[in-house]
Amino acid sequence: MNLEILPVRLAGAAENMAIDFLLLQRYPRAGSARFRHYGWRAPAYTFGFSQKIAFVRSQISSEEVPELCRRPTGGGLVDHRHDWTYALVIPRGHRWEEQRALQSYRAIHAALAAALIVQGVPAEIQAVAPADDLSVGPSVCFQRAELYDVVHALSGEKIAGAAQKRNKNGLLFQGSIGRAAAGSAVDWELFHGDFCARLATALETEAAPTPWPEFHEDEVSGLVEQYASSDWIDYR
């Protein structure tokens, strides 16, 4: 099994969410894990599948006109204007896919924190859960650190969080790193390569740059339309 590193692409919020889901649904080679870092064509927010749309809209300034999309994964509201976004897909049957959510969360964030440390960022894993468990309620991702998030060792500020989805095909892990919390000295291109290499080592495989998957055009456009629809965004 290789860790396929896909090319970096810019897209709108609905398209990015649709592509992440399709990466979970479609494998060009059986047993390959996939990683992609991507950007946003316009200011965008995404929010977890279970979040209430009324809460989400209450957290966005009336002066902002961002793209807004409900994610296929869980988690809180994420402002993508100043973050470093990625997705990792693990196929069915791999030990990370079979682990409990907290175990895979910790393993991926351990690789992320190690790559940040190389960049001079005093990053560490949040080892203690907050005393008040708000995980099932409305939340804004970077307002506080949850168990096994990546935090700044000195200030305690949250640097990275993520959300997961499991289905019959495997595990989708969608992650976000706050650039400001990580600091201005980070070389994000070098970080990208080091993070992928550390993930590959943890997965007991090798990282391999891979061409973009040949998705069926109608399948992509149909799913983008679904993710951009008011039925999806206002689902709850």
Protein backbone atom coordinates (compact mmCIF):
# COMPACT_ATOMS: atom_id res chain seq x y z
CA MET A 1 0.00 0.00 0.00
CA ASN A 2 1.27 3.47 -0.91
CA LEU A 3 0.26 6.83 0.51
CA GLU A 4 -0.80 8.62 -2.67
CA ILE A 5 -0.01 12.34 -2.53
CA LEU A 6 -2.40 14.13 -4.85
CA PRO A 7 -1.66 17.47 -6.57
CA VAL A 8 -2.66 20.66 -4.75
CA ARG A 9 -5.85 22.20 -6.15
CA LEU A 10 -7.99 25.27 -5.48
CA ALA A 11 -11.77 24.85 -5.48
CA GLY A 12 -14.96 26.24 -4.03
CA ALA A 13 -16.35 25.00 -0.74
CA ALA A 14 -18.92 22.59 -2.22
CA GLU A 15 -16.40 21.19 -4.70
CA ASN A 16 -13.76 20.62 -2.02
CA MET A 17 -16.24 18.75 0.17
CA ALA A 18 -17.49 16.72 -2.79
CA ILE A 19 -13.96 15.73 -3.84
CA ASP A 20 -13.03 14.66 -0.31
CA PHE A 21 -16.09 12.42 -0.20
CA LEU A 22 -15.36 10.98 -3.65
CA LEU A 23 -11.82 10.16 -2.56
CA LEU A 24 -13.37 8.00 0.13
CA GLN A 25 -15.78 6.38 -2.32
CA ARG A 26 -13.43 5.74 -5.27
CA TYR A 27 -10.01 4.02 -5.30
CA PRO A 28 -7.97 3.76 -8.53
CA ARG A 29 -5.86 1.03 -6.92
CA ALA A 30 -7.20 -1.16 -4.16
CA GLY A 31 -5.60 -0.60 -0.79
CA SER A 32 -4.05 2.83 -1.43
CA ALA A 33 -4.31 5.59 1.16
CA ARG A 34 -4.73 9.11 -0.21
CA PHE A 35 -3.64 12.54 0.99
CA ARG A 36 -4.38 15.94 -0.44
CA HIS A 37 -3.68 19.50 0.64
CA TYR A 38 -6.01 22.01 -0.99
CA GLY A 39 -6.96 25.67 -1.10
CA TRP A 40 -10.08 27.78 -1.51
CA ARG A 41 -11.08 29.92 -4.50
CA ALA A 42 -13.05 32.29 -2.26
CA PRO A 43 -13.44 32.97 1.49
CA ALA A 44 -15.12 29.87 2.91
CA TYR A 45 -16.44 28.29 6.08
CA THR A 46 -17.30 24.63 6.54
CA PHE A 47 -19.10 23.03 9.46
CA GLY A 48 -19.71 19.53 10.78
CA PHE A 49 -22.56 17.37 9.55
CA SER A 50 -24.40 17.52 12.89
CA GLN A 51 -24.09 21.27 13.44
CA LYS A 52 -27.25 23.40 13.47
CA ILE A 53 -27.38 25.92 10.63
CA ALA A 54 -28.89 28.58 12.93
CA PHE A 55 -25.84 28.38 15.21
CA VAL A 56 -23.46 28.44 12.24
CA ARG A 57 -25.03 31.58 10.79
CA SER A 58 -24.99 33.27 14.21
CA GLN A 59 -21.18 32.96 14.29
CA ILE A 60 -20.59 34.66 10.94
CA SER A 61 -20.58 38.44 10.71
CA SER A 62 -23.40 39.93 8.67
CA GLU A 63 -20.74 41.88 6.77
CA GLU A 64 -19.11 38.68 5.51
CA VAL A 65 -20.32 36.87 2.40
CA PRO A 66 -18.33 33.63 2.54
CA GLU A 67 -19.01 30.36 0.81
CA LEU A 68 -20.62 28.02 3.33
CA CYS A 69 -20.81 24.23 3.20
CA ARG A 70 -21.75 21.38 5.51
CA ARG A 71 -18.97 18.77 5.70
CA PRO A 72 -19.53 15.02 5.35
CA THR A 73 -17.53 14.66 8.60
CA GLY A 74 -18.29 15.98 12.07
CA GLY A 75 -16.67 18.77 14.07
CA GLY A 76 -17.29 22.46 14.53
CA LEU A 77 -17.33 25.56 12.36
CA VAL A 78 -14.01 26.20 10.55
CA ASP A 79 -12.95 29.50 8.95
CA HIS A 80 -10.76 28.52 5.99
CA ARG A 81 -9.56 32.01 5.09
CA HIS A 82 -6.29 31.61 6.98
CA ASP A 83 -5.86 27.87 7.46
CA TRP A 84 -3.91 25.00 5.83
CA THR A 85 -6.47 22.37 4.87
CA TYR A 86 -5.96 18.70 4.10
CA ALA A 87 -7.77 15.41 3.76
CA LEU A 88 -6.53 11.87 4.37
CA VAL A 89 -8.39 8.75 3.26
CA ILE A 90 -7.55 5.35 4.75
CA PRO A 91 -8.98 2.24 3.04
CA ARG A 92 -11.16 -0.36 4.70
CA GLY A 93 -9.20 -2.96 6.63
CA HIS A 94 -6.18 -0.82 7.54
CA ARG A 95 -5.48 -0.75 11.28
CA TRP A 96 -6.09 3.03 11.48
CA GLU A 97 -9.48 2.59 9.87
CA GLU A 98 -10.33 -0.19 12.30
CA GLN A 99 -9.23 1.75 15.40
CA ARG A 100 -11.53 3.83 17.53
CA ALA A 101 -11.83 7.44 16.39
CA LEU A 102 -9.67 8.84 19.18
CA GLN A 103 -6.82 6.46 18.37
CA SER A 104 -6.64 7.38 14.68
CA TYR A 105 -7.07 11.05 15.61
CA ARG A 106 -4.08 10.88 17.94
CA ALA A 107 -1.88 9.00 15.45
CA ILE A 108 -2.47 11.51 12.62
CA HIS A 109 -2.00 14.51 14.87
CA ALA A 110 1.21 13.04 16.29
CA ALA A 111 2.67 13.06 12.76
CA LEU A 112 1.41 16.61 12.22
CA ALA A 113 2.89 17.89 15.49
CA ALA A 114 6.25 16.26 14.73
CA ALA A 115 6.35 17.99 11.32
CA LEU A 116 5.59 21.34 12.95
CA ILE A 117 8.34 20.84 15.54
CA VAL A 118 10.85 20.52 12.68
CA GLN A 119 9.67 23.99 11.62
CA GLY A 120 10.46 25.36 15.08
CA VAL A 121 6.87 25.33 16.32
CA PRO A 122 6.57 24.07 19.94
CA ALA A 123 3.66 21.82 19.08
CA GLU A 124 2.25 19.07 21.25
CA ILE A 125 -0.81 16.85 21.55
CA GLN A 126 -3.56 17.94 23.94
CA ALA A 127 -3.37 15.03 26.36
CA VAL A 128 -6.29 15.90 28.66
CA ALA A 129 -9.93 16.25 27.64
CA PRO A 130 -11.70 19.48 28.64
CA ALA A 131 -13.58 19.22 31.90
CA ASP A 132 -16.83 20.28 30.21
CA ASP A 133 -17.62 18.03 27.24
CA LEU A 134 -19.15 20.15 24.51
CA SER A 135 -18.38 17.70 21.70
CA VAL A 136 -22.02 16.95 20.96
CA GLY A 137 -23.13 20.58 20.96
CA PRO A 138 -22.60 23.56 18.66
CA SER A 139 -18.97 24.62 18.43
CA VAL A 140 -16.39 26.76 16.65
CA CYS A 141 -13.34 24.63 15.92
CA PHE A 142 -10.46 26.89 16.95
CA GLN A 143 -12.03 28.44 20.06
CA ARG A 144 -10.76 25.64 22.27
CA ALA A 145 -8.70 22.46 22.10
CA GLU A 146 -10.27 19.03 22.40
CA LEU A 147 -8.53 15.79 23.37
CA TYR A 148 -5.63 14.99 20.97
CA ASP A 149 -5.83 18.27 19.09
CA VAL A 150 -2.47 19.89 18.32
CA VAL A 151 -1.73 22.86 20.58
CA HIS A 152 1.08 25.36 21.20
CA ALA A 153 3.16 24.00 24.08
CA LEU A 154 3.77 27.45 25.57
CA SER A 155 0.50 29.31 25.07
CA GLY A 156 -1.91 26.37 24.93
CA GLU A 157 -3.46 27.86 21.79
CA LYS A 158 -5.06 25.35 19.44
CA ILE A 159 -3.05 24.86 16.24
CA ALA A 160 -4.82 21.98 14.49
CA GLY A 161 -8.10 20.10 14.66
CA ALA A 162 -9.94 17.61 12.48
CA ALA A 163 -13.05 15.54 11.94
CA GLN A 164 -13.64 12.01 10.71
CA LYS A 165 -16.15 9.90 8.81
CA ARG A 166 -16.17 6.13 8.50
CA ASN A 167 -18.23 4.09 6.05
CA LYS A 168 -17.97 0.75 4.24
CA ASN A 169 -15.07 2.07 2.11
CA GLY A 170 -12.82 3.34 4.89
CA LEU A 171 -11.99 6.48 6.85
CA LEU A 172 -12.08 10.13 5.73
CA PHE A 173 -10.06 12.50 7.93
CA GLN A 174 -10.50 16.24 7.20
CA GLY A 175 -8.01 18.48 8.99
CA SER A 176 -7.31 22.17 9.43
CA ILE A 177 -4.19 23.95 10.71
CA GLY A 178 -4.42 27.55 11.89
CA ARG A 179 -1.57 29.39 10.16
CA ALA A 180 -1.54 32.22 12.71
CA ALA A 181 -1.37 29.82 15.66
CA ALA A 182 1.49 27.91 14.00
CA GLY A 183 3.45 31.13 13.42
CA SER A 184 4.77 33.07 10.46
CA ALA A 185 8.11 31.20 10.29
CA VAL A 186 6.60 27.96 8.97
CA ASP A 187 7.66 26.99 5.45
CA TRP A 188 4.40 25.36 4.37
CA GLU A 189 5.86 23.68 1.32
CA LEU A 190 8.51 21.94 3.42
CA PHE A 191 5.91 21.16 6.06
CA HIS A 192 3.73 19.52 3.39
CA GLY A 193 6.50 17.13 2.37
CA ASP A 194 7.56 16.32 5.92
CA PHE A 195 4.00 15.76 7.13
CA CYS A 196 3.33 13.34 4.27
CA ALA A 197 6.59 11.49 4.93
CA ARG A 198 5.76 11.10 8.62
CA LEU A 199 2.24 9.93 7.83
CA ALA A 200 3.67 7.35 5.42
CA THR A 201 6.08 6.09 8.09
CA ALA A 202 3.27 5.82 10.63
CA LEU A 203 1.16 3.96 8.06
CA GLU A 204 4.12 1.64 7.39
CA THR A 205 4.20 2.55 3.71
CA GLU A 206 5.84 5.04 1.31
CA ALA A 207 4.62 8.41 0.08
CA ALA A 208 4.16 8.52 -3.70
CA PRO A 209 3.18 11.61 -5.74
CA THR A 210 0.16 10.54 -7.77
CA PRO A 211 -1.80 12.08 -10.68
CA TRP A 212 -5.30 13.37 -10.08
CA PRO A 213 -7.92 10.56 -10.05
CA GLU A 214 -10.08 10.19 -13.14
CA PHE A 215 -13.47 10.78 -11.58
CA HIS A 216 -16.54 10.55 -13.78
CA GLU A 217 -17.49 14.13 -14.69
CA ASP A 218 -21.22 13.61 -14.09
CA GLU A 219 -20.54 12.07 -10.69
CA VAL A 220 -18.43 15.05 -9.62
CA SER A 221 -20.83 17.68 -10.90
CA GLY A 222 -23.81 15.92 -9.34
CA LEU A 223 -22.17 15.71 -5.93
CA VAL A 224 -20.98 19.34 -6.10
CA GLU A 225 -24.56 20.37 -6.87
CA GLN A 226 -25.76 18.39 -3.85
CA TYR A 227 -23.19 19.94 -1.50
CA ALA A 228 -24.03 23.44 -2.77
CA SER A 229 -27.79 22.98 -2.35
CA SER A 230 -29.82 24.59 0.42
CA ASP A 231 -31.20 21.13 1.24
CA TRP A 232 -27.67 20.02 2.22
CA ILE A 233 -26.44 23.23 3.83
CA ASP A 234 -29.67 23.84 5.81
CA TYR A 235 -30.16 20.14 6.57
CA ARG A 236 -30.34 20.72 10.35
